[in-house]
Amino acid sequence: MKHQADSEVADSASADGNWRADFLAGVRVVSPVLVGILPFALIVGVSMAQAGFSIAAAGVMSLLVFAGASQLAAVSLLSAGAPVAVVVLTVVIINLRFVMYSASLSLYLHRLSAPVRAMVAYLLNDQDYMLSLYAFEQRSNTRSRLAFFMGTALPLWLGWQSATLVGASLGAGVPSAWRLDFAVSLTFLAMLVPAVRDRAGLSAAVVGGGVAVALAGLPSNLGLIIGAAAGVLVGIAVRRVTGVRIAR
C-alpha cells in the first residue's frame, strides 16, 4: 500500500494539474459516439419492455449489466424461456472481451487504488476503451488518463441509462419509422474514425469495409469475416511498406 501511495504521490507531482481539461477532452471525443449510443440504448429499452420487463426491472438490469449486446442477448433468451444459468453463461461469454480490455488498460492505470480501478472496470465498454487507449498513449500521467477516461465514460453511462429507461417507458410505442436499428452501425463507425491515423489504418478501413460490403450476400456473415481479414492483411502490408509504427 505504501508503494502504491508513493507512486500516486509521485504521479501527482508530475501532473500538469489540468485534469478538468483532460475530462473535457474526453467529453468532446465521445460526443459523436453518443449519437449512435442513444438510439442503441433506446432499442435495448424497447426490447426489454416488449419482453415483459417493468421499467424498474429494465433500469436495474441496465445498471448491473451495462453492456448492450449482453442485454439484448439476455432479453432474447429470457423471452424464449431459457434457464437462468444459460442466460448468465451467455452474458459472461459475450463479455469475455472485457478481460482483454482490462488487461490492456492496466498497463496505464495500475497506479490507481483498487476501488478506483473497480470503478473503471464497471464503466468500461467498447467505446470508451477504444477512445481512451489512443489518448493514454499521449498522456504520461495516470490521473490525467483517469480524467480523460471519466470524460468518455460518464456521458456514455448517463446516456445509456437514461435512454434505456426512456425506451422501456415507450415500449411498443416507438414508431417503426424511426429506424433505430441504424444505431449499432453508427456507433462502431464513430469509433472507427479516430482510429484511422495513418495510411495503414486508412487502407485497412477502406479495404475491409469495401470487401465486407461487396460480399454481403454470402451466407453466415462470411462476407464480414473475409472483409475483416482482408483489412487486417492490407493494413499490415501497408505498414511494412511505409515503415510507420505507432509511437507508445
Foldseek 3Di string as FASTA:
>chain_A
DVVLVVVQVVLVVPDPPVLVVLLVVLLVLQVQLLVLLLLLLLVLLLLQLVLPDALVRLLVVCLVLVASVLSNQLSVCVSVVHDPVVSVVVSCVVCVVLVVLLVLCCVQQVSDDPVLSVVLSSLDDDQLSLVLVVVSLVDNRNSSSSSSSCSNRVVSSVSSSVSSSVSNVCHVVDDVVVVSVCSVVSNVVSSLVVVQDDPLSVQLVVQLVVQLVVVVPDPPSVSNVVSNVRSVVSSVVVCVVVVDDDRD
